[in-house]
C-alpha atoms as a PDB file:
ATOM      1  CA  MET A   1       0.121  20.164  20.015  1.00  0.00           C
ATOM      2  CA  SER A   2       3.188  19.007  18.318  1.00  0.00           C
ATOM      3  CA  THR A   3       4.589  15.902  16.698  1.00  0.00           C
ATOM      4  CA  LEU A   4       5.873  13.316  19.267  1.00  0.00           C
ATOM      5  CA  LEU A   5       9.067  11.212  18.680  1.00  0.00           C
ATOM      6  CA  ILE A   6       8.977   7.793  20.562  1.00  0.00           C
ATOM      7  CA  THR A   7      12.256   5.758  20.719  1.00  0.00           C
ATOM      8  CA  HIS A   8      14.004   3.764  23.457  1.00  0.00           C
ATOM      9  CA  PRO A   9      17.728   2.853  23.722  1.00  0.00           C
ATOM     10  CA  ALA A  10      16.713  -0.842  24.476  1.00  0.00           C
ATOM     11  CA  CYS A  11      16.193  -0.958  20.702  1.00  0.00           C
ATOM     12  CA  LEU A  12      19.969  -0.737  20.110  1.00  0.00           C
ATOM     13  CA  ASP A  13      20.378  -3.899  22.264  1.00  0.00           C
ATOM     14  CA  HIS A  14      18.703  -6.086  19.461  1.00  0.00           C
ATOM     15  CA  VAL A  15      21.985  -7.275  17.973  1.00  0.00           C
ATOM     16  CA  THR A  16      22.122  -8.894  14.515  1.00  0.00           C
ATOM     17  CA  PRO A  17      24.909 -10.956  12.868  1.00  0.00           C
ATOM     18  CA  PRO A  18      28.048  -9.087  11.534  1.00  0.00           C
ATOM     19  CA  GLY A  19      27.147  -7.381   8.129  1.00  0.00           C
ATOM     20  CA  HIS A  20      23.400  -7.746   8.662  1.00  0.00           C
ATOM     21  CA  PRO A  21      21.563  -4.728   7.085  1.00  0.00           C
ATOM     22  CA  GLU A  22      19.039  -4.347  10.000  1.00  0.00           C
ATOM     23  CA  ARG A  23      21.532  -3.210  12.504  1.00  0.00           C
ATOM     24  CA  PRO A  24      21.585  -0.790  15.557  1.00  0.00           C
ATOM     25  CA  ASP A  25      23.259   1.762  13.565  1.00  0.00           C
ATOM     26  CA  ARG A  26      20.103   2.379  11.620  1.00  0.00           C
ATOM     27  CA  LEU A  27      18.387   3.792  14.750  1.00  0.00           C
ATOM     28  CA  ARG A  28      21.460   5.891  15.558  1.00  0.00           C
ATOM     29  CA  ALA A  29      21.499   7.476  12.071  1.00  0.00           C
ATOM     30  CA  VAL A  30      17.865   8.433  12.613  1.00  0.00           C
ATOM     31  CA  GLU A  31      18.302   9.772  15.968  1.00  0.00           C
ATOM     32  CA  ARG A  32      21.368  11.681  14.823  1.00  0.00           C
ATOM     33  CA  ALA A  33      19.388  13.168  12.083  1.00  0.00           C
ATOM     34  CA  LEU A  34      16.614  14.301  14.426  1.00  0.00           C
ATOM     35  CA  GLU A  35      19.243  16.327  16.656  1.00  0.00           C
ATOM     36  CA  ALA A  36      19.333  19.168  14.083  1.00  0.00           C
ATOM     37  CA  GLU A  37      18.085  22.389  15.208  1.00  0.00           C
ATOM     38  CA  LYS A  38      14.898  22.261  13.302  1.00  0.00           C
ATOM     39  CA  PHE A  39      13.731  19.478  15.386  1.00  0.00           C
ATOM     40  CA  GLN A  40      14.109  21.362  18.697  1.00  0.00           C
ATOM     41  CA  SER A  41      10.262  21.663  19.056  1.00  0.00           C
ATOM     42  CA  LEU A  42       9.750  17.962  18.706  1.00  0.00           C
ATOM     43  CA  ALA A  43       8.406  16.337  21.831  1.00  0.00           C
ATOM     44  CA  ARG A  44      10.336  13.232  22.740  1.00  0.00           C
ATOM     45  CA  VAL A  45       9.488  10.353  25.061  1.00  0.00           C
ATOM     46  CA  GLN A  46      10.772   6.933  25.546  1.00  0.00           C
ATOM     47  CA  ALA A  47       8.712   3.855  24.431  1.00  0.00           C
ATOM     48  CA  PRO A  48       7.066   1.920  27.076  1.00  0.00           C
ATOM     49  CA  LEU A  49       7.206  -1.943  27.284  1.00  0.00           C
ATOM     50  CA  ALA A  50       4.039  -3.248  25.665  1.00  0.00           C
ATOM     51  CA  PRO A  51       2.008  -5.643  27.906  1.00  0.00           C
ATOM     52  CA  VAL A  52       1.961  -9.283  26.375  1.00  0.00           C
ATOM     53  CA  ASP A  53      -1.917  -8.878  26.024  1.00  0.00           C
ATOM     54  CA  ILE A  54      -1.472  -5.888  23.608  1.00  0.00           C
ATOM     55  CA  VAL A  55       0.891  -8.021  21.316  1.00  0.00           C
ATOM     56  CA  ALA A  56      -1.722 -10.665  21.461  1.00  0.00           C
ATOM     57  CA  LEU A  57      -4.224  -8.425  19.584  1.00  0.00           C
ATOM     58  CA  CYS A  58      -2.577  -9.709  16.479  1.00  0.00           C
ATOM     59  CA  HIS A  59      -0.350 -12.642  17.596  1.00  0.00           C
ATOM     60  CA  PRO A  60      -1.490 -15.840  19.535  1.00  0.00           C
ATOM     61  CA  MET A  61      -0.225 -16.197  23.092  1.00  0.00           C
ATOM     62  CA  ASP A  62       1.787 -19.366  22.272  1.00  0.00           C
ATOM     63  CA  TYR A  63       3.640 -17.738  19.476  1.00  0.00           C
ATOM     64  CA  ILE A  64       4.574 -14.666  21.750  1.00  0.00           C
ATOM     65  CA  GLU A  65       5.797 -17.286  24.039  1.00  0.00           C
ATOM     66  CA  GLU A  66       7.944 -19.159  21.616  1.00  0.00           C
ATOM     67  CA  ILE A  67       9.692 -15.948  20.666  1.00  0.00           C
ATOM     68  CA  ARG A  68      10.178 -14.972  24.258  1.00  0.00           C
ATOM     69  CA  ASP A  69      11.621 -18.482  24.917  1.00  0.00           C
ATOM     70  CA  ALA A  70      13.892 -18.368  21.897  1.00  0.00           C
ATOM     71  CA  THR A  71      15.739 -15.481  23.142  1.00  0.00           C
ATOM     72  CA  PRO A  72      19.383 -16.499  23.988  1.00  0.00           C
ATOM     73  CA  ARG A  73      20.988 -15.491  27.173  1.00  0.00           C
ATOM     74  CA  GLU A  74      24.069 -14.715  25.184  1.00  0.00           C
ATOM     75  CA  GLY A  75      25.201 -14.791  21.374  1.00  0.00           C
ATOM     76  CA  LEU A  76      22.690 -15.173  18.545  1.00  0.00           C
ATOM     77  CA  VAL A  77      20.050 -17.623  17.559  1.00  0.00           C
ATOM     78  CA  ARG A  78      18.551 -17.806  14.140  1.00  0.00           C
ATOM     79  CA  LEU A  79      14.741 -17.964  13.712  1.00  0.00           C
ATOM     80  CA  ASP A  80      14.923 -17.908   9.842  1.00  0.00           C
ATOM     81  CA  ALA A  81      17.702 -17.312   7.116  1.00  0.00           C
ATOM     82  CA  ASP A  82      16.974 -13.485   7.688  1.00  0.00           C
ATOM     83  CA  THR A  83      15.849 -13.165  11.256  1.00  0.00           C
ATOM     84  CA  SER A  84      17.984 -13.668  14.559  1.00  0.00           C
ATOM     85  CA  MET A  85      17.666 -12.779  18.079  1.00  0.00           C
ATOM     86  CA  SER A  86      20.084 -11.668  20.652  1.00  0.00           C
ATOM     87  CA  SER A  87      19.684 -11.372  24.446  1.00  0.00           C
ATOM     88  CA  GLY A  88      18.229  -7.870  23.925  1.00  0.00           C
ATOM     89  CA  SER A  89      15.913  -8.641  21.164  1.00  0.00           C
ATOM     90  CA  PHE A  90      12.636  -9.555  23.087  1.00  0.00           C
ATOM     91  CA  GLU A  91      12.664  -6.366  24.954  1.00  0.00           C
ATOM     92  CA  ALA A  92      13.398  -4.451  21.981  1.00  0.00           C
ATOM     93  CA  ALA A  93      10.394  -6.067  20.175  1.00  0.00           C
ATOM     94  CA  LEU A  94       8.167  -5.044  23.070  1.00  0.00           C
ATOM     95  CA  ARG A  95       9.499  -1.502  22.989  1.00  0.00           C
ATOM     96  CA  ALA A  96       8.514  -1.315  19.371  1.00  0.00           C
ATOM     97  CA  VAL A  97       4.969  -2.462  19.969  1.00  0.00           C
ATOM     98  CA  GLY A  98       4.795  -0.135  23.074  1.00  0.00           C
ATOM     99  CA  GLY A  99       5.910   2.726  21.066  1.00  0.00           C
ATOM    100  CA  GLY A 100       3.178   2.389  18.707  1.00  0.00           C
ATOM    101  CA  MET A 101       0.605   1.825  21.685  1.00  0.00           C
ATOM    102  CA  HIS A 102       1.655   5.118  23.304  1.00  0.00           C
ATOM    103  CA  ALA A 103       1.620   6.939  20.139  1.00  0.00           C
ATOM    104  CA  ILE A 104      -1.984   5.968  19.642  1.00  0.00           C
ATOM    105  CA  ASP A 105      -2.818   6.964  23.312  1.00  0.00           C
ATOM    106  CA  GLU A 106      -1.090  10.405  22.696  1.00  0.00           C
ATOM    107  CA  VAL A 107      -2.777  11.183  19.436  1.00  0.00           C
ATOM    108  CA  PHE A 108      -6.310  10.227  20.726  1.00  0.00           C
ATOM    109  CA  ALA A 109      -5.855  12.261  23.836  1.00  0.00           C
ATOM    110  CA  LYS A 110      -4.883  15.070  21.673  1.00  0.00           C
ATOM    111  CA  ARG A 111      -1.623  15.449  23.487  1.00  0.00           C
ATOM    112  CA  ALA A 112       0.205  15.055  20.118  1.00  0.00           C
ATOM    113  CA  SER A 113      -0.978  16.007  16.673  1.00  0.00           C
ATOM    114  CA  ASN A 114       0.874  12.879  15.269  1.00  0.00           C
ATOM    115  CA  ALA A 115       3.695  10.721  16.179  1.00  0.00           C
ATOM    116  CA  PHE A 116       6.868   8.983  14.692  1.00  0.00           C
ATOM    117  CA  VAL A 117       7.890   5.843  16.322  1.00  0.00           C
ATOM    118  CA  ALA A 118      11.731   5.272  15.769  1.00  0.00           C
ATOM    119  CA  THR A 119      12.276   1.743  16.997  1.00  0.00           C
ATOM    120  CA  ARG A 120      13.413  -1.574  15.841  1.00  0.00           C
ATOM    121  CA  PRO A 121      13.029  -4.392  15.124  1.00  0.00           C
ATOM    122  CA  PRO A 122      10.597  -3.566  12.196  1.00  0.00           C
ATOM    123  CA  GLY A 123       7.395  -5.433  11.961  1.00  0.00           C
ATOM    124  CA  HIS A 124       5.464  -5.558   8.641  1.00  0.00           C
ATOM    125  CA  HIS A 125       6.683  -8.988   7.622  1.00  0.00           C
ATOM    126  CA  ALA A 126       5.615 -10.624  10.924  1.00  0.00           C
ATOM    127  CA  GLU A 127       2.657 -12.882  10.140  1.00  0.00           C
ATOM    128  CA  THR A 128       0.045 -13.959  12.743  1.00  0.00           C
ATOM    129  CA  ALA A 129       2.287 -16.715  13.938  1.00  0.00           C
ATOM    130  CA  ARG A 130       5.505 -16.371  11.984  1.00  0.00           C
ATOM    131  CA  PRO A 131       8.592 -14.287  12.323  1.00  0.00           C
ATOM    132  CA  MET A 132      10.335 -13.311   8.919  1.00  0.00           C
ATOM    133  CA  GLY A 133      12.242 -10.551   7.270  1.00  0.00           C
ATOM    134  CA  PHE A 134      13.928  -9.148  10.436  1.00  0.00           C
ATOM    135  CA  CYS A 135      10.601  -8.929  12.140  1.00  0.00           C
ATOM    136  CA  PHE A 136       9.052 -10.510  15.215  1.00  0.00           C
ATOM    137  CA  PHE A 137       5.696  -8.735  15.958  1.00  0.00           C
ATOM    138  CA  ASP A 138       3.794  -6.658  13.514  1.00  0.00           C
ATOM    139  CA  ASN A 139       4.121  -3.067  15.246  1.00  0.00           C
ATOM    140  CA  ALA A 140       1.813  -1.360  12.737  1.00  0.00           C
ATOM    141  CA  ALA A 141      -0.893  -4.013  12.720  1.00  0.00           C
ATOM    142  CA  ILE A 142      -1.027  -3.878  16.525  1.00  0.00           C
ATOM    143  CA  ALA A 143      -1.051  -0.222  16.678  1.00  0.00           C
ATOM    144  CA  ALA A 144      -4.044  -0.156  14.359  1.00  0.00           C
ATOM    145  CA  ARG A 145      -5.901  -2.947  16.301  1.00  0.00           C
ATOM    146  CA  TYR A 146      -5.146  -1.411  19.541  1.00  0.00           C
ATOM    147  CA  ALA A 147      -6.667   1.924  18.436  1.00  0.00           C
ATOM    148  CA  GLN A 148      -9.955   0.113  17.577  1.00  0.00           C
ATOM    149  CA  LYS A 149     -10.103  -1.815  20.715  1.00  0.00           C
ATOM    150  CA  GLN A 150      -9.241   1.137  23.117  1.00  0.00           C
ATOM    151  CA  TYR A 151     -10.926   4.056  21.247  1.00  0.00           C
ATOM    152  CA  GLY A 152     -13.704   2.179  19.396  1.00  0.00           C
ATOM    153  CA  ILE A 153     -12.739   3.420  15.932  1.00  0.00           C
ATOM    154  CA  ALA A 154     -14.622   1.645  13.092  1.00  0.00           C
ATOM    155  CA  HIS A 155     -12.031   2.162  10.326  1.00  0.00           C
ATOM    156  CA  ALA A 156      -8.186   2.078  10.545  1.00  0.00           C
ATOM    157  CA  ALA A 157      -5.863   2.277   7.589  1.00  0.00           C
ATOM    158  CA  ILE A 158      -2.319   1.204   7.275  1.00  0.00           C
ATOM    159  CA  ILE A 159      -0.207   2.920   4.617  1.00  0.00           C
ATOM    160  CA  ASP A 160       3.018   1.052   3.809  1.00  0.00           C
ATOM    161  CA  PHE A 161       5.749   2.545   1.446  1.00  0.00           C
ATOM    162  CA  ASP A 162       8.584   0.388   2.400  1.00  0.00           C
ATOM    163  CA  VAL A 163      10.052  -1.031  -0.632  1.00  0.00           C
ATOM    164  CA  HIS A 164       9.322  -4.486   0.392  1.00  0.00           C
ATOM    165  CA  HIS A 165       5.621  -5.661   0.495  1.00  0.00           C
ATOM    166  CA  GLY A 166       4.217  -5.981   4.301  1.00  0.00           C
ATOM    167  CA  ASN A 167       3.032  -9.540   3.775  1.00  0.00           C
ATOM    168  CA  GLY A 168       2.466  -9.654   7.596  1.00  0.00           C
ATOM    169  CA  SER A 169       0.213  -6.798   7.702  1.00  0.00           C
ATOM    170  CA  GLN A 170      -1.643  -8.052   4.680  1.00  0.00           C
ATOM    171  CA  GLU A 171      -2.132 -11.570   6.064  1.00  0.00           C
ATOM    172  CA  ILE A 172      -3.443 -10.283   9.593  1.00  0.00           C
ATOM    173  CA  PHE A 173      -6.026  -8.177   7.777  1.00  0.00           C
ATOM    174  CA  TRP A 174      -6.878 -10.100   4.857  1.00  0.00           C
ATOM    175  CA  SER A 175     -10.365 -10.989   6.053  1.00  0.00           C
ATOM    176  CA  ASP A 176     -10.927  -7.822   8.220  1.00  0.00           C
ATOM    177  CA  LYS A 177     -13.164  -5.172   6.661  1.00  0.00           C
ATOM    178  CA  SER A 178     -12.446  -2.784   9.303  1.00  0.00           C
ATOM    179  CA  VAL A 179      -8.698  -2.121   8.336  1.00  0.00           C
ATOM    180  CA  MET A 180      -7.538  -1.108   5.002  1.00  0.00           C
ATOM    181  CA  TYR A 181      -4.014  -1.994   4.112  1.00  0.00           C
ATOM    182  CA  CYS A 182      -2.229  -0.153   1.225  1.00  0.00           C
ATOM    183  CA  SER A 183       1.226  -0.743  -0.089  1.00  0.00           C
ATOM    184  CA  THR A 184       3.674   0.533  -2.631  1.00  0.00           C
ATOM    185  CA  HIS A 185       6.614  -1.760  -3.075  1.00  0.00           C
ATOM    186  CA  GLN A 186       8.964  -3.167  -5.642  1.00  0.00           C
ATOM    187  CA  MET A 187       7.949  -6.509  -7.460  1.00  0.00           C
ATOM    188  CA  PRO A 188       9.515  -8.928  -7.905  1.00  0.00           C
ATOM    189  CA  LEU A 189      11.335  -8.737  -4.589  1.00  0.00           C
ATOM    190  CA  PHE A 190      11.222 -10.209  -1.263  1.00  0.00           C
ATOM    191  CA  PRO A 191       8.898 -11.448   0.139  1.00  0.00           C
ATOM    192  CA  GLY A 192       7.154 -12.193  -3.057  1.00  0.00           C
ATOM    193  CA  THR A 193       3.638 -11.041  -2.216  1.00  0.00           C
ATOM    194  CA  GLY A 194       1.817  -7.867  -3.100  1.00  0.00           C
ATOM    195  CA  ALA A 195       0.419  -8.433  -6.651  1.00  0.00           C
ATOM    196  CA  ILE A 196      -2.066  -6.051  -7.848  1.00  0.00           C
ATOM    197  CA  ASP A 197      -4.866  -8.706  -7.703  1.00  0.00           C
ATOM    198  CA  GLU A 198      -4.286  -9.417  -4.043  1.00  0.00           C
ATOM    199  CA  SER A 199      -7.225  -7.516  -2.630  1.00  0.00           C
ATOM    200  CA  GLY A 200      -8.323  -9.297   0.565  1.00  0.00           C
ATOM    201  CA  GLU A 201     -11.833 -10.891   1.178  1.00  0.00           C
ATOM    202  CA  HIS A 202     -13.436  -7.405   1.584  1.00  0.00           C
ATOM    203  CA  ASN A 203     -11.490  -5.534  -1.062  1.00  0.00           C
ATOM    204  CA  THR A 204      -9.693  -3.639   1.698  1.00  0.00           C
ATOM    205  CA  VAL A 205      -6.242  -4.564   0.449  1.00  0.00           C
ATOM    206  CA  VAL A 206      -4.727  -2.099  -2.081  1.00  0.00           C
ATOM    207  CA  ASN A 207      -1.468  -3.099  -3.602  1.00  0.00           C
ATOM    208  CA  ALA A 208       0.315  -0.845  -5.996  1.00  0.00           C
ATOM    209  CA  PRO A 209       3.603  -2.627  -7.133  1.00  0.00           C
ATOM    210  CA  LEU A 210       6.334  -0.777  -8.625  1.00  0.00           C
ATOM    211  CA  ARG A 211       8.989  -2.191 -11.245  1.00  0.00           C
ATOM    212  CA  PRO A 212      12.670  -2.186 -10.612  1.00  0.00           C
ATOM    213  CA  GLY A 213      14.140   1.057 -11.710  1.00  0.00           C
ATOM    214  CA  ASP A 214      10.834   2.939 -11.207  1.00  0.00           C
ATOM    215  CA  GLY A 215      11.376   6.514  -9.565  1.00  0.00           C
ATOM    216  CA  GLY A 216       9.357   9.324  -7.935  1.00  0.00           C
ATOM    217  CA  GLU A 217       6.903   9.677 -10.912  1.00  0.00           C
ATOM    218  CA  ALA A 218       5.810   6.015 -10.871  1.00  0.00           C
ATOM    219  CA  PHE A 219       5.571   6.224  -7.012  1.00  0.00           C
ATOM    220  CA  ARG A 220       3.465   9.379  -7.053  1.00  0.00           C
ATOM    221  CA  ALA A 221       1.140   7.828  -9.694  1.00  0.00           C
ATOM    222  CA  ALA A 222       0.622   4.743  -7.605  1.00  0.00           C
ATOM    223  CA  PHE A 223      -0.539   6.870  -4.718  1.00  0.00           C
ATOM    224  CA  GLU A 224      -2.636   9.206  -6.866  1.00  0.00           C
ATOM    225  CA  ASN A 225      -4.258   6.633  -8.978  1.00  0.00           C
ATOM    226  CA  ARG A 226      -4.742   3.446  -6.731  1.00  0.00           C
ATOM    227  CA  ILE A 227      -4.124   4.456  -3.115  1.00  0.00           C
ATOM    228  CA  LEU A 228      -5.401   7.938  -2.255  1.00  0.00           C
ATOM    229  CA  PRO A 229      -8.942   7.472  -3.971  1.00  0.00           C
ATOM    230  CA  ARG A 230      -9.437   4.099  -2.051  1.00  0.00           C
ATOM    231  CA  LEU A 231      -8.544   5.669   1.243  1.00  0.00           C
ATOM    232  CA  ALA A 232     -10.717   8.512   0.763  1.00  0.00           C
ATOM    233  CA  ASP A 233     -13.651   6.169  -0.012  1.00  0.00           C
ATOM    234  CA  PHE A 234     -12.845   4.271   3.212  1.00  0.00           C
ATOM    235  CA  ARG A 235     -12.765   7.205   5.347  1.00  0.00           C
ATOM    236  CA  PRO A 236     -10.140   5.922   8.039  1.00  0.00           C
ATOM    237  CA  GLU A 237     -10.314   7.360  11.456  1.00  0.00           C
ATOM    238  CA  LEU A 238      -6.710   6.723  11.996  1.00  0.00           C
ATOM    239  CA  ILE A 239      -3.806   6.186   9.701  1.00  0.00           C
ATOM    240  CA  VAL A 240      -0.937   4.171  10.697  1.00  0.00           C
ATOM    241  CA  ILE A 241       2.196   4.649   8.238  1.00  0.00           C
ATOM    242  CA  SER A 242       4.684   1.749   7.891  1.00  0.00           C
ATOM    243  CA  ALA A 243       7.494   4.099   7.166  1.00  0.00           C
ATOM    244  CA  GLY A 244      10.260   2.320   5.458  1.00  0.00           C
ATOM    245  CA  PHE A 245      12.784   4.376   3.556  1.00  0.00           C
ATOM    246  CA  ASP A 246      14.488   1.517   1.593  1.00  0.00           C
ATOM    247  CA  ALA A 247      12.842   2.709  -1.772  1.00  0.00           C
ATOM    248  CA  HIS A 248      15.462   5.365  -1.637  1.00  0.00           C
ATOM    249  CA  VAL A 249      17.738   5.434  -4.744  1.00  0.00           C
ATOM    250  CA  ARG A 250      20.792   4.887  -2.322  1.00  0.00           C
ATOM    251  CA  ASP A 251      19.330   1.855  -0.659  1.00  0.00           C
ATOM    252  CA  PRO A 252      21.454  -1.319  -1.275  1.00  0.00           C
ATOM    253  CA  LEU A 253      18.454  -3.951  -0.948  1.00  0.00           C
ATOM    254  CA  ALA A 254      16.209  -2.762  -3.695  1.00  0.00           C
ATOM    255  CA  ASN A 255      16.066  -0.762  -6.970  1.00  0.00           C
ATOM    256  CA  ILE A 256      13.501   1.940  -6.585  1.00  0.00           C
ATOM    257  CA  ASN A 257      15.016   5.429  -7.002  1.00  0.00           C
ATOM    258  CA  LEU A 258      13.076   7.767  -4.657  1.00  0.00           C
ATOM    259  CA  GLU A 259      14.603  10.842  -3.098  1.00  0.00           C
ATOM    260  CA  GLU A 260      13.574  12.552   0.228  1.00  0.00           C
ATOM    261  CA  ALA A 261      11.083  14.778  -1.700  1.00  0.00           C
ATOM    262  CA  ASP A 262       9.193  11.830  -2.783  1.00  0.00           C
ATOM    263  CA  PHE A 263       8.726  10.652   0.991  1.00  0.00           C
ATOM    264  CA  VAL A 264       7.719  14.286   1.886  1.00  0.00           C
ATOM    265  CA  TRP A 265       5.157  14.384  -0.898  1.00  0.00           C
ATOM    266  CA  ALA A 266       3.567  11.114   0.352  1.00  0.00           C
ATOM    267  CA  THR A 267       3.723  12.123   3.799  1.00  0.00           C
ATOM    268  CA  GLN A 268       1.705  15.314   3.002  1.00  0.00           C
ATOM    269  CA  LYS A 269      -0.845  13.439   0.809  1.00  0.00           C
ATOM    270  CA  ILE A 270      -1.461  11.023   3.641  1.00  0.00           C
ATOM    271  CA  MET A 271      -1.900  14.008   6.167  1.00  0.00           C
ATOM    272  CA  GLU A 272      -4.400  15.358   3.820  1.00  0.00           C
ATOM    273  CA  ILE A 273      -6.469  12.281   4.016  1.00  0.00           C
ATOM    274  CA  ALA A 274      -5.906  12.282   7.656  1.00  0.00           C
ATOM    275  CA  ASP A 275      -7.123  15.860   8.036  1.00  0.00           C
ATOM    276  CA  ARG A 276     -10.156  15.029   6.315  1.00  0.00           C
ATOM    277  CA  PHE A 277     -11.361  11.964   7.944  1.00  0.00           C
ATOM    278  CA  ALA A 278      -9.307  11.136  11.110  1.00  0.00           C
ATOM    279  CA  ASP A 279      -8.813  14.512  12.855  1.00  0.00           C
ATOM    280  CA  GLY A 280      -5.103  14.507  11.686  1.00  0.00           C
ATOM    281  CA  ARG A 281      -4.484  11.372  13.755  1.00  0.00           C
ATOM    282  CA  ILE A 282      -1.263   9.600  12.257  1.00  0.00           C
ATOM    283  CA  VAL A 283       1.166   7.252  13.990  1.00  0.00           C
ATOM    284  CA  SER A 284       4.180   6.591  11.782  1.00  0.00           C
ATOM    285  CA  MET A 285       6.425   3.636  12.457  1.00  0.00           C
ATOM    286  CA  LEU A 286       9.838   2.948  11.232  1.00  0.00           C
ATOM    287  CA  GLU A 287      10.220  -0.124   9.099  1.00  0.00           C
ATOM    288  CA  GLY A 288      13.136  -0.460   6.589  1.00  0.00           C
ATOM    289  CA  GLY A 289      15.926   1.613   5.171  1.00  0.00           C
ATOM    290  CA  TYR A 290      19.455   0.300   5.144  1.00  0.00           C
ATOM    291  CA  ASP A 291      21.757   3.009   3.792  1.00  0.00           C
ATOM    292  CA  LEU A 292      22.477   5.026   6.792  1.00  0.00           C
ATOM    293  CA  GLN A 293      22.760   8.449   4.992  1.00  0.00           C
ATOM    294  CA  ALA A 294      19.667   7.843   2.989  1.00  0.00           C
ATOM    295  CA  LEU A 295      17.745   6.698   6.065  1.00  0.00           C
ATOM    296  CA  GLY A 296      18.680   9.592   8.271  1.00  0.00           C
ATOM    297  CA  ASN A 297      17.815  12.120   5.616  1.00  0.00           C
ATOM    298  CA  SER A 298      14.636  10.611   4.560  1.00  0.00           C
ATOM    299  CA  ALA A 299      13.432  10.025   8.164  1.00  0.00           C
ATOM    300  CA  ALA A 300      14.148  13.634   8.871  1.00  0.00           C
ATOM    301  CA  ALA A 301      12.180  14.869   5.864  1.00  0.00           C
ATOM    302  CA  HIS A 302       9.284  12.655   6.861  1.00  0.00           C
ATOM    303  CA  VAL A 303       9.184  13.965  10.398  1.00  0.00           C
ATOM    304  CA  LEU A 304       9.622  17.508   9.270  1.00  0.00           C
ATOM    305  CA  ALA A 305       6.617  17.090   7.019  1.00  0.00           C
ATOM    306  CA  LEU A 306       4.649  15.688   9.974  1.00  0.00           C
ATOM    307  CA  MET A 307       5.534  18.623  11.980  1.00  0.00           C
ATOM    308  CA  ARG A 308       4.079  20.735   9.031  1.00  0.00           C
ATOM    309  CA  GLY A 309       7.591  22.282   8.684  1.00  0.00           C
END
């Protein structure tokens, strides 16, 4: 079994306004980085379109229809100050969800040891019935819920190392004791959630905020002291990673000073937990990362770690 890469060219057709950080070139940068010779053994497939009832595992049907109906025939329409749609956005969003769904199927069928879903738009800011922060549907949350529904697992975990807190994932699972949500993120920063005392109704939300200017040492300490022990106690049967690479020192939207080696270290630590409790099952889904060079290099380092390279 090998690591599986899931992507789709339709994700390039989600067009954002000129100068917007969440742009099609992000995906091109990741794809270019994964063309290197060391990724020759990476299995590659295209993301299917998610059926609407799969999206509805985490979002009400009337919300999904609102997003679909807001899709413009041409030009752009703004849903909020940060989040806009083009004619290709709805299909791209369904491919992003479908990529996660397909990744779950492949790792549970043991056709892949783990998977990286390189799609856009990202997902972790999308709440149950609200798009925000460049996100329409919460791809990682839906993947976790799909695994529970389809494969009957009792415990799933989402680990989010994007520099922005995944308010959507936290909100969706706030009162759900079967899914643990763990996040490192800069605070204060958009979206303003993720304080250390936000722990959910069943103490299954684990926030480990970082201060502006923090680097690898503080990031690793947050994992070692807060996230990894709680994960081990929870014993997840699947780990979904919200893999944002915008905590990189080069990223323009935040002030955390991580380097590729820090993402590799975090990936390996998550893999150790997955090997202990989840038969190695990890589905990693691209979230943020807005400096193209840092994004490409960091995603490549993350995927190489998943490949045990």
